[in-house]
Amino acid sequence: MSVGRQMAVEAIRQHLLQSSASLLVSNDALGLALRRFFPELKRAFVMNWIPEQGEDIYWVLVSSTEVAEIEIPRVIGAESNSPSLKIVALDAYQKKRHSRDVRQRLKVGVELIKSS
């Protein structure tokens, strides 16, 4: 692996670790949803995020075998507008078409989850 590639991987690793630490203690909608759905979660890495018109959709690596797809409505308050969760097997998620950035984050995230 080239020095440039090693530096890029290390930058991704540091970013994932920092964002995971802040995400699991934050009071934003995603942090609250993750703690609600996964109370024992130690690490969570956001792999991808898509802002839709009525909600934000996040794909979060939550274990070495699972990716959580969490939809968070932009309108907060009504009971029907609570976050929703769908678990996707890591193998199935990896088979989907992803950008290079997502593939790199996924590779590093899986290594970090397995090492913890």
C-alpha atoms as a PDB file:
ATOM      1  CA  MET A   1       0.000   0.000   0.000  1.00  0.00           C
ATOM      2  CA  SER A   2       1.373   3.407  -0.938  1.00  0.00           C
ATOM      3  CA  VAL A   3       2.099   6.085   1.642  1.00  0.00           C
ATOM      4  CA  GLY A   4      -0.699   8.260   0.234  1.00  0.00           C
ATOM      5  CA  ARG A   5      -3.200   5.418   0.497  1.00  0.00           C
ATOM      6  CA  GLN A   6      -2.089   4.645   4.056  1.00  0.00           C
ATOM      7  CA  MET A   7      -2.593   8.283   5.020  1.00  0.00           C
ATOM      8  CA  ALA A   8      -6.062   8.286   3.439  1.00  0.00           C
ATOM      9  CA  VAL A   9      -7.056   5.112   5.306  1.00  0.00           C
ATOM     10  CA  GLU A  10      -5.751   6.579   8.576  1.00  0.00           C
ATOM     11  CA  ALA A  11      -7.730   9.787   7.969  1.00  0.00           C
ATOM     12  CA  ILE A  12     -10.905   7.742   7.388  1.00  0.00           C
ATOM     13  CA  ARG A  13     -10.195   5.699  10.519  1.00  0.00           C
ATOM     14  CA  GLN A  14      -9.749   8.817  12.675  1.00  0.00           C
ATOM     15  CA  HIS A  15     -12.862  10.455  11.234  1.00  0.00           C
ATOM     16  CA  LEU A  16     -14.976   7.344  11.874  1.00  0.00           C
ATOM     17  CA  LEU A  17     -13.741   7.003  15.462  1.00  0.00           C
ATOM     18  CA  GLN A  18     -14.340  10.678  16.251  1.00  0.00           C
ATOM     19  CA  SER A  19     -17.782  10.768  14.664  1.00  0.00           C
ATOM     20  CA  SER A  20     -18.781   7.528  16.424  1.00  0.00           C
ATOM     21  CA  ALA A  21     -17.753   8.892  19.817  1.00  0.00           C
ATOM     22  CA  SER A  22     -19.707  12.110  19.336  1.00  0.00           C
ATOM     23  CA  LEU A  23     -22.699  10.396  17.726  1.00  0.00           C
ATOM     24  CA  LEU A  24     -23.285   8.047  20.648  1.00  0.00           C
ATOM     25  CA  VAL A  25     -23.520  10.916  23.143  1.00  0.00           C
ATOM     26  CA  SER A  26     -25.163  13.587  20.988  1.00  0.00           C
ATOM     27  CA  ASN A  27     -28.739  14.704  21.390  1.00  0.00           C
ATOM     28  CA  ASP A  28     -29.409  15.075  17.693  1.00  0.00           C
ATOM     29  CA  ALA A  29     -32.085  12.921  16.083  1.00  0.00           C
ATOM     30  CA  LEU A  30     -29.701  10.238  14.834  1.00  0.00           C
ATOM     31  CA  GLY A  31     -27.876   9.906  18.151  1.00  0.00           C
ATOM     32  CA  LEU A  32     -31.166   9.606  20.047  1.00  0.00           C
ATOM     33  CA  ALA A  33     -32.496   7.045  17.563  1.00  0.00           C
ATOM     34  CA  LEU A  34     -29.348   4.918  17.795  1.00  0.00           C
ATOM     35  CA  ARG A  35     -29.480   4.868  21.598  1.00  0.00           C
ATOM     36  CA  ARG A  36     -33.184   3.996  21.486  1.00  0.00           C
ATOM     37  CA  PHE A  37     -32.793   1.160  18.992  1.00  0.00           C
ATOM     38  CA  PHE A  38     -29.403  -0.093  20.282  1.00  0.00           C
ATOM     39  CA  PRO A  39     -29.007   0.756  23.987  1.00  0.00           C
ATOM     40  CA  GLU A  40     -25.830  -1.340  24.357  1.00  0.00           C
ATOM     41  CA  LEU A  41     -24.107   0.036  21.249  1.00  0.00           C
ATOM     42  CA  LYS A  42     -20.416   0.871  21.750  1.00  0.00           C
ATOM     43  CA  ARG A  43     -19.531   2.006  18.213  1.00  0.00           C
ATOM     44  CA  ALA A  44     -21.568   3.150  15.244  1.00  0.00           C
ATOM     45  CA  PHE A  45     -20.228   4.357  11.930  1.00  0.00           C
ATOM     46  CA  VAL A  46     -22.335   6.322   9.447  1.00  0.00           C
ATOM     47  CA  MET A  47     -21.665   4.811   6.053  1.00  0.00           C
ATOM     48  CA  ASN A  48     -24.028   6.936   3.994  1.00  0.00           C
ATOM     49  CA  TRP A  49     -26.680   9.614   4.386  1.00  0.00           C
ATOM     50  CA  ILE A  50     -29.346  10.803   1.989  1.00  0.00           C
ATOM     51  CA  PRO A  51     -31.452  13.870   2.747  1.00  0.00           C
ATOM     52  CA  GLU A  52     -34.911  13.267   1.302  1.00  0.00           C
ATOM     53  CA  GLN A  53     -37.729  15.766   1.149  1.00  0.00           C
ATOM     54  CA  GLY A  54     -39.566  14.544   4.262  1.00  0.00           C
ATOM     55  CA  GLU A  55     -36.881  12.545   6.064  1.00  0.00           C
ATOM     56  CA  ASP A  56     -33.194  11.828   6.308  1.00  0.00           C
ATOM     57  CA  ILE A  57     -32.038   8.270   5.633  1.00  0.00           C
ATOM     58  CA  TYR A  58     -28.872   6.990   7.290  1.00  0.00           C
ATOM     59  CA  TRP A  59     -27.032   3.707   6.840  1.00  0.00           C
ATOM     60  CA  VAL A  60     -25.068   3.020  10.002  1.00  0.00           C
ATOM     61  CA  LEU A  61     -22.670   0.129  10.568  1.00  0.00           C
ATOM     62  CA  VAL A  62     -23.712  -1.193  14.000  1.00  0.00           C
ATOM     63  CA  SER A  63     -21.950  -4.568  14.077  1.00  0.00           C
ATOM     64  CA  SER A  64     -19.603  -6.702  12.029  1.00  0.00           C
ATOM     65  CA  THR A  65     -22.637  -8.282  10.336  1.00  0.00           C
ATOM     66  CA  GLU A  66     -25.342  -5.591  10.296  1.00  0.00           C
ATOM     67  CA  VAL A  67     -26.081  -2.169   8.884  1.00  0.00           C
ATOM     68  CA  ALA A  68     -28.987  -0.211  10.331  1.00  0.00           C
ATOM     69  CA  GLU A  69     -31.070   1.792   7.883  1.00  0.00           C
ATOM     70  CA  ILE A  70     -32.637   4.563   9.938  1.00  0.00           C
ATOM     71  CA  GLU A  71     -35.204   6.993   8.567  1.00  0.00           C
ATOM     72  CA  ILE A  72     -35.611  10.149  10.612  1.00  0.00           C
ATOM     73  CA  PRO A  73     -38.563  12.379   9.741  1.00  0.00           C
ATOM     74  CA  ARG A  74     -37.865  16.088   9.530  1.00  0.00           C
ATOM     75  CA  VAL A  75     -41.166  16.907  11.274  1.00  0.00           C
ATOM     76  CA  ILE A  76     -40.764  16.003  14.938  1.00  0.00           C
ATOM     77  CA  GLY A  77     -43.589  15.667  17.422  1.00  0.00           C
ATOM     78  CA  ALA A  78     -46.269  13.353  16.099  1.00  0.00           C
ATOM     79  CA  GLU A  79     -46.179   9.703  17.172  1.00  0.00           C
ATOM     80  CA  SER A  80     -46.301   8.568  13.544  1.00  0.00           C
ATOM     81  CA  ASN A  81     -43.198  10.637  12.851  1.00  0.00           C
ATOM     82  CA  SER A  82     -40.830   8.634  15.019  1.00  0.00           C
ATOM     83  CA  PRO A  83     -37.634   7.230  13.493  1.00  0.00           C
ATOM     84  CA  SER A  84     -37.905   3.870  11.774  1.00  0.00           C
ATOM     85  CA  LEU A  85     -35.343   1.086  11.668  1.00  0.00           C
ATOM     86  CA  LYS A  86     -34.571  -1.610   9.155  1.00  0.00           C
ATOM     87  CA  ILE A  87     -31.641  -3.998   9.629  1.00  0.00           C
ATOM     88  CA  VAL A  88     -29.694  -4.958   6.520  1.00  0.00           C
ATOM     89  CA  ALA A  89     -27.199  -7.810   6.508  1.00  0.00           C
ATOM     90  CA  LEU A  90     -23.678  -6.535   5.860  1.00  0.00           C
ATOM     91  CA  ASP A  91     -23.279  -8.965   2.942  1.00  0.00           C
ATOM     92  CA  ALA A  92     -26.417  -7.614   1.265  1.00  0.00           C
ATOM     93  CA  TYR A  93     -25.358  -4.010   1.872  1.00  0.00           C
ATOM     94  CA  GLN A  94     -21.916  -4.655   0.380  1.00  0.00           C
ATOM     95  CA  LYS A  95     -23.490  -6.059  -2.800  1.00  0.00           C
ATOM     96  CA  LYS A  96     -25.288  -2.783  -3.501  1.00  0.00           C
ATOM     97  CA  ARG A  97     -23.706  -0.149  -5.674  1.00  0.00           C
ATOM     98  CA  HIS A  98     -21.815   2.416  -3.587  1.00  0.00           C
ATOM     99  CA  SER A  99     -19.509   5.324  -4.220  1.00  0.00           C
ATOM    100  CA  ARG A 100     -15.805   4.863  -3.659  1.00  0.00           C
ATOM    101  CA  ASP A 101     -16.013   6.882  -0.426  1.00  0.00           C
ATOM    102  CA  VAL A 102     -18.741   4.644   0.994  1.00  0.00           C
ATOM    103  CA  ARG A 103     -16.804   1.497   0.052  1.00  0.00           C
ATOM    104  CA  GLN A 104     -13.680   2.847   1.777  1.00  0.00           C
ATOM    105  CA  ARG A 105     -15.602   3.869   4.922  1.00  0.00           C
ATOM    106  CA  LEU A 106     -17.270   0.464   4.996  1.00  0.00           C
ATOM    107  CA  LYS A 107     -13.979  -1.415   4.737  1.00  0.00           C
ATOM    108  CA  VAL A 108     -12.352   0.640   7.504  1.00  0.00           C
ATOM    109  CA  GLY A 109     -15.522   0.577   9.643  1.00  0.00           C
ATOM    110  CA  VAL A 110     -15.739  -3.221   9.517  1.00  0.00           C
ATOM    111  CA  GLU A 111     -12.093  -3.476  10.574  1.00  0.00           C
ATOM    112  CA  LEU A 112     -12.735  -1.104  13.495  1.00  0.00           C
ATOM    113  CA  ILE A 113     -15.862  -2.956  14.629  1.00  0.00           C
ATOM    114  CA  LYS A 114     -14.072  -6.315  14.488  1.00  0.00           C
ATOM    115  CA  SER A 115     -11.110  -4.977  16.474  1.00  0.00           C
ATOM    116  CA  SER A 116     -13.232  -3.570  19.302  1.00  0.00           C
END
